[in-house]
Amino acid sequence: MQMVLIIFAINVVYVTFFTVRMILTLKGYRYIAAAVSMVEIVIYVVGLDLVLGNLDKIQNLVAYAIGYGCGVIIGSKIEEKLALGYITVNVITSEENLKLPAILREKGYGVTDWSANGLDGNRSAMQILTPRKYELKLYVTIKEIDPKAFIIAYEAKTIHGGFWVKTVRKGKLFK
């Protein structure tokens, strides 16, 4: 039973490191990802040795598989907490809600807004750039002002120029 728990724990830790390393790599943090990968591979080799040396018992293989699945979940949760990167949020709201861009700008969000036409008439459209760690706060603010707002979000890969980038570099965002 002790071997099963050790194999399970090692694989949870290994796959957690693996998941975080992959996300760091995809987000462009290659040096941190390289450091994480060094720890990851040591854990992997130790865990694999334990499993391969004890394949005569099915519970060891089951512990390895369950540990792998748990590691993916834990690694994903860690990434959610880190909230690396930026998102772009497109919002379409009724024309009467022209106060929304001003409120969001006061809170520190970078907002570009314009008039748009929808199926039912005139609308206000906005594009908002924010760090992922502020994503949920942004949604709450938008929904408080316009619960019927249409919201689409996607990851911003490249950011260059504009008010928002200058503000981030000066460290004045969301203070």
N, C-alpha and C. Protein backbone atom coordinates (compact mmCIF):
# COMPACT_ATOMS: atom_id res chain seq x y z
N MET A 1 0.82 -1.21 0.00
CA MET A 1 0.00 0.00 0.00
C MET A 1 0.86 1.26 0.00
N GLN A 2 1.98 1.19 0.69
CA GLN A 2 2.87 2.35 0.75
C GLN A 2 3.43 2.68 -0.63
N MET A 3 3.76 1.64 -1.41
CA MET A 3 4.28 1.84 -2.76
C MET A 3 3.22 2.50 -3.65
N VAL A 4 1.98 2.12 -3.50
CA VAL A 4 0.89 2.70 -4.29
C VAL A 4 0.80 4.20 -4.00
N LEU A 5 0.84 4.58 -2.74
CA LEU A 5 0.76 6.00 -2.37
C LEU A 5 1.97 6.79 -2.87
N ILE A 6 3.13 6.18 -2.81
CA ILE A 6 4.34 6.87 -3.29
C ILE A 6 4.25 7.09 -4.80
N ILE A 7 3.84 6.06 -5.53
CA ILE A 7 3.71 6.19 -6.99
C ILE A 7 2.66 7.24 -7.33
N PHE A 8 1.54 7.21 -6.64
CA PHE A 8 0.48 8.19 -6.87
C PHE A 8 1.00 9.61 -6.63
N ALA A 9 1.63 9.83 -5.48
CA ALA A 9 2.12 11.17 -5.13
C ALA A 9 3.17 11.67 -6.11
N ILE A 10 4.10 10.80 -6.48
CA ILE A 10 5.15 11.20 -7.43
C ILE A 10 4.53 11.60 -8.76
N ASN A 11 3.54 10.85 -9.22
CA ASN A 11 2.95 11.19 -10.52
C ASN A 11 2.10 12.45 -10.46
N VAL A 12 1.43 12.68 -9.34
CA VAL A 12 0.69 13.94 -9.19
C VAL A 12 1.66 15.11 -9.29
N VAL A 13 2.77 15.03 -8.58
CA VAL A 13 3.75 16.12 -8.60
C VAL A 13 4.37 16.27 -9.99
N TYR A 14 4.74 15.14 -10.61
CA TYR A 14 5.35 15.19 -11.94
C TYR A 14 4.41 15.84 -12.96
N VAL A 15 3.18 15.38 -13.02
CA VAL A 15 2.26 15.89 -14.04
C VAL A 15 1.86 17.33 -13.75
N THR A 16 1.81 17.70 -12.48
CA THR A 16 1.57 19.10 -12.14
C THR A 16 2.68 19.97 -12.71
N PHE A 17 3.93 19.56 -12.49
CA PHE A 17 5.07 20.30 -13.05
C PHE A 17 5.00 20.31 -14.57
N PHE A 18 4.66 19.17 -15.17
CA PHE A 18 4.57 19.06 -16.62
C PHE A 18 3.53 20.05 -17.17
N THR A 19 2.36 20.07 -16.55
CA THR A 19 1.29 20.95 -17.01
C THR A 19 1.69 22.42 -16.89
N VAL A 20 2.25 22.79 -15.74
CA VAL A 20 2.67 24.18 -15.54
C VAL A 20 3.78 24.54 -16.52
N ARG A 21 4.71 23.63 -16.75
CA ARG A 21 5.80 23.90 -17.69
C ARG A 21 5.28 24.12 -19.10
N MET A 22 4.32 23.31 -19.53
CA MET A 22 3.75 23.47 -20.87
C MET A 22 3.07 24.83 -21.00
N ILE A 23 2.34 25.22 -19.99
CA ILE A 23 1.64 26.50 -20.04
C ILE A 23 2.64 27.65 -20.04
N LEU A 24 3.68 27.55 -19.22
CA LEU A 24 4.72 28.58 -19.21
C LEU A 24 5.38 28.70 -20.58
N THR A 25 5.63 27.56 -21.21
CA THR A 25 6.24 27.57 -22.54
C THR A 25 5.31 28.25 -23.56
N LEU A 26 4.04 27.89 -23.53
CA LEU A 26 3.08 28.48 -24.46
C LEU A 26 2.90 29.98 -24.24
N LYS A 27 3.07 30.43 -23.01
CA LYS A 27 2.90 31.85 -22.69
C LYS A 27 4.20 32.65 -22.90
N GLY A 28 5.28 31.98 -23.29
CA GLY A 28 6.52 32.68 -23.60
C GLY A 28 7.50 32.81 -22.44
N TYR A 29 7.28 32.10 -21.35
CA TYR A 29 8.19 32.14 -20.21
C TYR A 29 9.18 31.00 -20.32
N ARG A 30 10.00 31.01 -21.36
CA ARG A 30 10.84 29.85 -21.67
C ARG A 30 11.91 29.56 -20.63
N TYR A 31 12.49 30.56 -19.99
CA TYR A 31 13.54 30.29 -19.01
C TYR A 31 12.98 29.71 -17.71
N ILE A 32 11.84 30.21 -17.29
CA ILE A 32 11.18 29.63 -16.11
C ILE A 32 10.73 28.21 -16.45
N ALA A 33 10.21 28.02 -17.66
CA ALA A 33 9.79 26.68 -18.09
C ALA A 33 10.96 25.71 -18.11
N ALA A 34 12.12 26.18 -18.53
CA ALA A 34 13.30 25.32 -18.55
C ALA A 34 13.70 24.90 -17.13
N ALA A 35 13.62 25.82 -16.20
CA ALA A 35 13.95 25.49 -14.80
C ALA A 35 12.95 24.49 -14.24
N VAL A 36 11.68 24.70 -14.53
CA VAL A 36 10.64 23.78 -14.06
C VAL A 36 10.86 22.40 -14.68
N SER A 37 11.27 22.36 -15.94
CA SER A 37 11.46 21.07 -16.62
C SER A 37 12.60 20.25 -16.00
N MET A 38 13.59 20.92 -15.43
CA MET A 38 14.68 20.18 -14.79
C MET A 38 14.18 19.42 -13.55
N VAL A 39 13.33 20.06 -12.78
CA VAL A 39 12.74 19.40 -11.62
C VAL A 39 11.78 18.31 -12.10
N GLU A 40 11.00 18.65 -13.09
CA GLU A 40 10.01 17.71 -13.64
C GLU A 40 10.64 16.40 -14.08
N ILE A 41 11.75 16.46 -14.79
CA ILE A 41 12.34 15.24 -15.34
C ILE A 41 12.93 14.35 -14.25
N VAL A 42 13.46 14.95 -13.19
CA VAL A 42 13.97 14.15 -12.07
C VAL A 42 12.82 13.38 -11.42
N ILE A 43 11.73 14.07 -11.19
CA ILE A 43 10.55 13.42 -10.59
C ILE A 43 10.03 12.33 -11.51
N TYR A 44 10.00 12.60 -12.81
CA TYR A 44 9.51 11.63 -13.79
C TYR A 44 10.35 10.35 -13.77
N VAL A 45 11.65 10.49 -13.80
CA VAL A 45 12.54 9.32 -13.84
C VAL A 45 12.38 8.48 -12.58
N VAL A 46 12.31 9.13 -11.42
CA VAL A 46 12.13 8.40 -10.16
C VAL A 46 10.79 7.66 -10.18
N GLY A 47 9.72 8.35 -10.58
CA GLY A 47 8.40 7.73 -10.63
C GLY A 47 8.33 6.58 -11.62
N LEU A 48 8.90 6.79 -12.79
CA LEU A 48 8.88 5.74 -13.81
C LEU A 48 9.64 4.51 -13.34
N ASP A 49 10.76 4.73 -12.69
CA ASP A 49 11.55 3.62 -12.16
C ASP A 49 10.74 2.82 -11.13
N LEU A 50 10.02 3.52 -10.27
CA LEU A 50 9.19 2.83 -9.28
C LEU A 50 8.10 2.00 -9.95
N VAL A 51 7.46 2.55 -10.97
CA VAL A 51 6.38 1.83 -11.64
C VAL A 51 6.93 0.65 -12.43
N LEU A 52 7.98 0.88 -13.21
CA LEU A 52 8.53 -0.21 -14.03
C LEU A 52 9.12 -1.32 -13.17
N GLY A 53 9.63 -0.96 -12.01
CA GLY A 53 10.18 -1.96 -11.11
C GLY A 53 9.12 -2.72 -10.34
N ASN A 54 7.89 -2.28 -10.43
CA ASN A 54 6.80 -2.91 -9.67
C ASN A 54 5.56 -3.16 -10.53
N LEU A 55 5.77 -3.51 -11.79
CA LEU A 55 4.65 -3.75 -12.70
C LEU A 55 3.90 -5.04 -12.40
N ASP A 56 4.42 -5.86 -11.52
CA ASP A 56 3.77 -7.11 -11.19
C ASP A 56 2.46 -6.90 -10.42
N LYS A 57 2.26 -5.69 -9.92
CA LYS A 57 1.04 -5.38 -9.16
C LYS A 57 0.24 -4.31 -9.91
N ILE A 58 -0.97 -4.67 -10.28
CA ILE A 58 -1.81 -3.77 -11.07
C ILE A 58 -2.12 -2.47 -10.34
N GLN A 59 -2.20 -2.53 -9.00
CA GLN A 59 -2.53 -1.31 -8.25
C GLN A 59 -1.46 -0.23 -8.43
N ASN A 60 -0.23 -0.61 -8.71
CA ASN A 60 0.82 0.38 -8.95
C ASN A 60 0.57 1.13 -10.26
N LEU A 61 0.15 0.39 -11.28
CA LEU A 61 -0.17 1.00 -12.57
C LEU A 61 -1.41 1.89 -12.44
N VAL A 62 -2.39 1.43 -11.70
CA VAL A 62 -3.60 2.22 -11.47
C VAL A 62 -3.26 3.51 -10.72
N ALA A 63 -2.40 3.40 -9.70
CA ALA A 63 -1.99 4.59 -8.94
C ALA A 63 -1.27 5.57 -9.86
N TYR A 64 -0.45 5.06 -10.78
CA TYR A 64 0.26 5.92 -11.73
C TYR A 64 -0.74 6.67 -12.61
N ALA A 65 -1.74 5.94 -13.12
CA ALA A 65 -2.73 6.55 -14.01
C ALA A 65 -3.59 7.57 -13.27
N ILE A 66 -4.05 7.24 -12.08
CA ILE A 66 -4.88 8.18 -11.31
C ILE A 66 -4.04 9.41 -10.91
N GLY A 67 -2.81 9.18 -10.54
CA GLY A 67 -1.91 10.30 -10.21
C GLY A 67 -1.71 11.22 -11.40
N TYR A 68 -1.63 10.65 -12.59
CA TYR A 68 -1.47 11.44 -13.81
C TYR A 68 -2.68 12.36 -14.00
N GLY A 69 -3.87 11.79 -13.90
CA GLY A 69 -5.09 12.58 -14.05
C GLY A 69 -5.19 13.68 -13.00
N CYS A 70 -4.89 13.35 -11.77
CA CYS A 70 -4.93 14.36 -10.70
C CYS A 70 -3.91 15.46 -10.94
N GLY A 71 -2.75 15.10 -11.46
CA GLY A 71 -1.71 16.09 -11.75
C GLY A 71 -2.15 17.09 -12.81
N VAL A 72 -2.88 16.61 -13.82
CA VAL A 72 -3.40 17.51 -14.85
C VAL A 72 -4.36 18.53 -14.22
N ILE A 73 -5.24 18.05 -13.37
CA ILE A 73 -6.22 18.94 -12.72
C ILE A 73 -5.50 19.95 -11.83
N ILE A 74 -4.58 19.50 -11.02
CA ILE A 74 -3.86 20.41 -10.11
C ILE A 74 -3.02 21.41 -10.89
N GLY A 75 -2.34 20.95 -11.94
CA GLY A 75 -1.55 21.87 -12.78
C GLY A 75 -2.42 22.94 -13.42
N SER A 76 -3.61 22.54 -13.88
CA SER A 76 -4.53 23.50 -14.48
C SER A 76 -5.03 24.51 -13.46
N LYS A 77 -5.29 24.05 -12.24
CA LYS A 77 -5.74 24.96 -11.17
C LYS A 77 -4.64 25.96 -10.82
N ILE A 78 -3.40 25.50 -10.78
CA ILE A 78 -2.27 26.40 -10.51
C ILE A 78 -2.18 27.46 -11.60
N GLU A 79 -2.34 27.04 -12.85
CA GLU A 79 -2.28 28.01 -13.95
C GLU A 79 -3.42 29.02 -13.85
N GLU A 80 -4.60 28.59 -13.45
CA GLU A 80 -5.71 29.52 -13.26
C GLU A 80 -5.36 30.56 -12.21
N LYS A 81 -4.70 30.14 -11.14
CA LYS A 81 -4.32 31.07 -10.07
C LYS A 81 -3.23 32.03 -10.54
N LEU A 82 -2.30 31.51 -11.35
CA LEU A 82 -1.24 32.38 -11.88
C LEU A 82 -1.82 33.39 -12.88
N ALA A 83 -2.81 32.95 -13.66
CA ALA A 83 -3.49 33.78 -14.66
C ALA A 83 -2.49 34.56 -15.51
N LEU A 84 -1.60 33.85 -16.16
CA LEU A 84 -0.59 34.47 -16.99
C LEU A 84 -1.19 35.00 -18.29
N GLY A 85 -0.64 36.07 -18.77
CA GLY A 85 -1.04 36.60 -20.07
C GLY A 85 -2.16 37.62 -20.00
N TYR A 86 -2.67 37.93 -21.17
CA TYR A 86 -3.67 38.97 -21.34
C TYR A 86 -4.83 38.43 -22.16
N ILE A 87 -5.98 39.04 -21.99
CA ILE A 87 -7.12 38.69 -22.82
C ILE A 87 -7.68 39.95 -23.46
N THR A 88 -8.29 39.76 -24.58
CA THR A 88 -9.03 40.82 -25.24
C THR A 88 -10.50 40.46 -25.11
N VAL A 89 -11.29 41.40 -24.64
CA VAL A 89 -12.72 41.16 -24.45
C VAL A 89 -13.47 42.11 -25.38
N ASN A 90 -14.32 41.55 -26.21
CA ASN A 90 -15.21 42.34 -27.06
C ASN A 90 -16.58 42.36 -26.40
N VAL A 91 -17.13 43.56 -26.27
CA VAL A 91 -18.43 43.73 -25.63
C VAL A 91 -19.33 44.50 -26.58
N ILE A 92 -20.55 44.02 -26.73
CA ILE A 92 -21.56 44.74 -27.50
C ILE A 92 -22.72 44.99 -26.55
N THR A 93 -23.10 46.25 -26.44
CA THR A 93 -24.15 46.63 -25.51
C THR A 93 -25.09 47.62 -26.19
N SER A 94 -26.22 47.88 -25.57
CA SER A 94 -27.17 48.82 -26.18
C SER A 94 -26.58 50.23 -26.19
N GLU A 95 -27.02 51.03 -27.15
CA GLU A 95 -26.44 52.37 -27.34
C GLU A 95 -26.59 53.25 -26.11
N GLU A 96 -27.64 53.03 -25.32
CA GLU A 96 -27.86 53.86 -24.14
C GLU A 96 -26.75 53.69 -23.10
N ASN A 97 -26.00 52.63 -23.18
CA ASN A 97 -24.97 52.35 -22.18
C ASN A 97 -23.60 52.94 -22.54
N LEU A 98 -23.59 54.13 -23.07
CA LEU A 98 -22.32 54.75 -23.45
C LEU A 98 -21.47 55.10 -22.22
N LYS A 99 -22.01 54.99 -21.01
CA LYS A 99 -21.23 55.26 -19.80
C LYS A 99 -20.28 54.11 -19.48
N LEU A 100 -20.53 52.92 -20.01
CA LEU A 100 -19.69 51.76 -19.72
C LEU A 100 -18.22 51.97 -20.08
N PRO A 101 -17.87 52.48 -21.27
CA PRO A 101 -16.46 52.70 -21.57
C PRO A 101 -15.77 53.64 -20.56
N ALA A 102 -16.45 54.69 -20.16
CA ALA A 102 -15.86 55.64 -19.20
C ALA A 102 -15.63 54.99 -17.84
N ILE A 103 -16.59 54.20 -17.38
CA ILE A 103 -16.45 53.51 -16.10
C ILE A 103 -15.28 52.53 -16.14
N LEU A 104 -15.16 51.78 -17.24
CA LEU A 104 -14.06 50.82 -17.37
C LEU A 104 -12.71 51.53 -17.44
N ARG A 105 -12.66 52.65 -18.14
CA ARG A 105 -11.40 53.42 -18.21
C ARG A 105 -11.00 53.93 -16.83
N GLU A 106 -11.98 54.41 -16.05
CA GLU A 106 -11.69 54.87 -14.69
C GLU A 106 -11.09 53.75 -13.84
N LYS A 107 -11.48 52.52 -14.10
CA LYS A 107 -10.98 51.37 -13.34
C LYS A 107 -9.62 50.90 -13.85
N GLY A 108 -9.13 51.49 -14.96
CA GLY A 108 -7.80 51.16 -15.46
C GLY A 108 -7.76 50.28 -16.69
N TYR A 109 -8.91 49.86 -17.19
CA TYR A 109 -8.93 49.02 -18.38
C TYR A 109 -8.68 49.86 -19.63
N GLY A 110 -8.00 49.27 -20.60
CA GLY A 110 -7.81 49.91 -21.89
C GLY A 110 -9.03 49.62 -22.75
N VAL A 111 -9.78 50.64 -23.11
CA VAL A 111 -11.04 50.45 -23.84
C VAL A 111 -11.02 51.27 -25.13
N THR A 112 -11.34 50.62 -26.22
CA THR A 112 -11.61 51.32 -27.47
C THR A 112 -13.07 51.05 -27.78
N ASP A 113 -13.85 52.11 -28.02
CA ASP A 113 -15.27 51.90 -28.28
C ASP A 113 -15.68 52.58 -29.58
N TRP A 114 -16.74 52.07 -30.16
CA TRP A 114 -17.27 52.61 -31.41
C TRP A 114 -18.75 52.26 -31.52
N SER A 115 -19.43 52.96 -32.42
CA SER A 115 -20.84 52.69 -32.68
C SER A 115 -20.95 51.52 -33.63
N ALA A 116 -21.97 50.71 -33.41
CA ALA A 116 -22.18 49.53 -34.26
C ALA A 116 -23.67 49.37 -34.52
N ASN A 117 -23.98 48.56 -35.50
CA ASN A 117 -25.38 48.28 -35.82
C ASN A 117 -25.63 46.79 -35.62
N GLY A 118 -26.72 46.49 -34.89
CA GLY A 118 -27.11 45.11 -34.65
C GLY A 118 -28.45 44.82 -35.28
N LEU A 119 -28.93 43.62 -35.10
CA LEU A 119 -30.21 43.22 -35.67
C LEU A 119 -31.35 44.11 -35.18
N ASP A 120 -31.29 44.49 -33.90
CA ASP A 120 -32.36 45.30 -33.31
C ASP A 120 -32.03 46.78 -33.24
N GLY A 121 -31.01 47.24 -33.95
CA GLY A 121 -30.73 48.67 -33.96
C GLY A 121 -29.30 49.01 -33.57
N ASN A 122 -29.12 50.26 -33.14
CA ASN A 122 -27.80 50.77 -32.81
C ASN A 122 -27.26 50.13 -31.53
N ARG A 123 -25.96 49.95 -31.50
CA ARG A 123 -25.27 49.34 -30.37
C ARG A 123 -23.98 50.11 -30.12
N SER A 124 -23.40 49.84 -28.98
CA SER A 124 -22.07 50.34 -28.66
C SER A 124 -21.16 49.11 -28.59
N ALA A 125 -20.05 49.14 -29.29
CA ALA A 125 -19.10 48.02 -29.28
C ALA A 125 -17.81 48.49 -28.62
N MET A 126 -17.20 47.59 -27.88
CA MET A 126 -15.95 47.91 -27.18
C MET A 126 -14.96 46.77 -27.31
N GLN A 127 -13.71 47.14 -27.33
CA GLN A 127 -12.64 46.16 -27.25
C GLN A 127 -11.81 46.54 -26.03
N ILE A 128 -11.64 45.58 -25.12
CA ILE A 128 -10.99 45.83 -23.84
C ILE A 128 -9.83 44.86 -23.68
N LEU A 129 -8.67 45.38 -23.32
CA LEU A 129 -7.50 44.55 -23.07
C LEU A 129 -7.23 44.54 -21.57
N THR A 130 -7.02 43.35 -21.01
CA THR A 130 -6.77 43.25 -19.57
C THR A 130 -5.89 42.05 -19.25
N PRO A 131 -5.11 42.13 -18.18
CA PRO A 131 -4.43 40.92 -17.70
C PRO A 131 -5.47 39.87 -17.31
N ARG A 132 -5.17 38.61 -17.51
CA ARG A 132 -6.13 37.55 -17.19
C ARG A 132 -6.54 37.57 -15.73
N LYS A 133 -5.65 38.02 -14.85
CA LYS A 133 -6.00 38.00 -13.43
C LYS A 133 -7.14 38.96 -13.09
N TYR A 134 -7.45 39.91 -13.98
CA TYR A 134 -8.56 40.84 -13.77
C TYR A 134 -9.79 40.49 -14.61
N GLU A 135 -9.76 39.36 -15.30
CA GLU A 135 -10.83 38.98 -16.21
C GLU A 135 -12.18 38.89 -15.51
N LEU A 136 -12.25 38.18 -14.42
CA LEU A 136 -13.54 38.00 -13.75
C LEU A 136 -14.09 39.31 -13.18
N LYS A 137 -13.20 40.16 -12.66
CA LYS A 137 -13.64 41.48 -12.17
C LYS A 137 -14.24 42.30 -13.31
N LEU A 138 -13.63 42.20 -14.48
CA LEU A 138 -14.14 42.91 -15.65
C LEU A 138 -15.55 42.44 -15.99
N TYR A 139 -15.76 41.13 -16.03
CA TYR A 139 -17.09 40.60 -16.35
C TYR A 139 -18.13 41.06 -15.34
N VAL A 140 -17.76 41.06 -14.06
CA VAL A 140 -18.69 41.50 -13.01
C VAL A 140 -19.09 42.95 -13.24
N THR A 141 -18.09 43.80 -13.52
CA THR A 141 -18.37 45.22 -13.75
C THR A 141 -19.29 45.41 -14.95
N ILE A 142 -19.00 44.72 -16.04
CA ILE A 142 -19.83 44.85 -17.25
C ILE A 142 -21.26 44.40 -16.96
N LYS A 143 -21.41 43.26 -16.31
CA LYS A 143 -22.75 42.70 -16.05
C LYS A 143 -23.54 43.55 -15.05
N GLU A 144 -22.85 44.23 -14.13
CA GLU A 144 -23.55 45.12 -13.19
C GLU A 144 -24.18 46.29 -13.95
N ILE A 145 -23.48 46.79 -14.96
CA ILE A 145 -23.95 47.95 -15.71
C ILE A 145 -24.94 47.53 -16.79
N ASP A 146 -24.64 46.42 -17.47
CA ASP A 146 -25.54 45.94 -18.52
C ASP A 146 -25.59 44.41 -18.47
N PRO A 147 -26.56 43.85 -17.74
CA PRO A 147 -26.67 42.39 -17.62
C PRO A 147 -26.89 41.68 -18.96
N LYS A 148 -27.34 42.40 -19.97
CA LYS A 148 -27.61 41.79 -21.27
C LYS A 148 -26.46 41.98 -22.27
N ALA A 149 -25.35 42.50 -21.81
CA ALA A 149 -24.21 42.73 -22.71
C ALA A 149 -23.75 41.42 -23.33
N PHE A 150 -23.37 41.50 -24.60
CA PHE A 150 -22.82 40.35 -25.33
C PHE A 150 -21.30 40.42 -25.17
N ILE A 151 -20.70 39.37 -24.62
CA ILE A 151 -19.27 39.38 -24.29
C ILE A 151 -18.58 38.20 -24.94
N ILE A 152 -17.46 38.49 -25.61
CA ILE A 152 -16.60 37.45 -26.19
C ILE A 152 -15.17 37.76 -25.75
N ALA A 153 -14.44 36.74 -25.29
CA ALA A 153 -13.06 36.95 -24.85
C ALA A 153 -12.14 35.97 -25.57
N TYR A 154 -10.92 36.42 -25.83
CA TYR A 154 -9.90 35.56 -26.42
C TYR A 154 -8.53 36.03 -25.97
N GLU A 155 -7.56 35.14 -26.09
CA GLU A 155 -6.21 35.45 -25.63
C GLU A 155 -5.50 36.39 -26.59
N ALA A 156 -4.86 37.41 -26.02
CA ALA A 156 -4.07 38.35 -26.82
C ALA A 156 -2.63 37.84 -26.84
N LYS A 157 -2.12 37.55 -28.03
CA LYS A 157 -0.76 37.00 -28.15
C LYS A 157 0.30 38.09 -28.30
N THR A 158 0.01 39.12 -29.07
CA THR A 158 0.98 40.17 -29.33
C THR A 158 0.34 41.51 -29.00
N ILE A 159 1.05 42.31 -28.22
CA ILE A 159 0.56 43.64 -27.85
C ILE A 159 1.66 44.64 -28.18
N HIS A 160 1.29 45.69 -28.90
CA HIS A 160 2.27 46.71 -29.27
C HIS A 160 1.58 48.07 -29.33
N GLY A 161 2.19 49.05 -28.69
CA GLY A 161 1.71 50.42 -28.79
C GLY A 161 0.44 50.70 -28.02
N GLY A 162 0.02 51.96 -28.08
CA GLY A 162 -1.23 52.36 -27.47
C GLY A 162 -1.09 52.81 -26.02
N PHE A 163 -2.15 53.41 -25.52
CA PHE A 163 -2.21 53.92 -24.15
C PHE A 163 -1.93 52.83 -23.13
N TRP A 164 -2.55 51.67 -23.35
CA TRP A 164 -2.51 50.60 -22.35
C TRP A 164 -1.09 50.09 -22.14
N VAL A 165 -0.35 49.87 -23.20
CA VAL A 165 1.02 49.37 -23.08
C VAL A 165 1.89 50.37 -22.33
N LYS A 166 1.73 51.67 -22.62
CA LYS A 166 2.50 52.70 -21.92
C LYS A 166 2.17 52.69 -20.43
N THR A 167 0.90 52.51 -20.09
CA THR A 167 0.47 52.49 -18.69
C THR A 167 1.05 51.29 -17.97
N VAL A 168 1.05 50.13 -18.61
CA VAL A 168 1.61 48.93 -18.00
C VAL A 168 3.10 49.12 -17.73
N ARG A 169 3.82 49.70 -18.70
CA ARG A 169 5.25 49.91 -18.52
C ARG A 169 5.56 50.86 -17.38
N LYS A 170 4.67 51.82 -17.13
CA LYS A 170 4.86 52.76 -16.04
C LYS A 170 4.39 52.19 -14.71
N GLY A 171 3.77 51.01 -14.73
CA GLY A 171 3.29 50.38 -13.53
C GLY A 171 2.08 51.05 -12.92
N LYS A 172 1.27 51.71 -13.72
CA LYS A 172 0.13 52.47 -13.18
C LYS A 172 -1.21 51.78 -13.38
N LEU A 173 -1.22 50.59 -13.94
CA LEU A 173 -2.48 49.91 -14.24
C LEU A 173 -3.12 49.38 -12.97
N PHE A 174 -4.40 49.62 -12.79
CA PHE A 174 -5.24 49.08 -11.72
C PHE A 174 -4.75 49.44 -10.32
N LYS A 175 -4.31 50.67 -10.12
CA LYS A 175 -3.89 51.11 -8.78
C LYS A 175 -4.97 51.89 -8.14
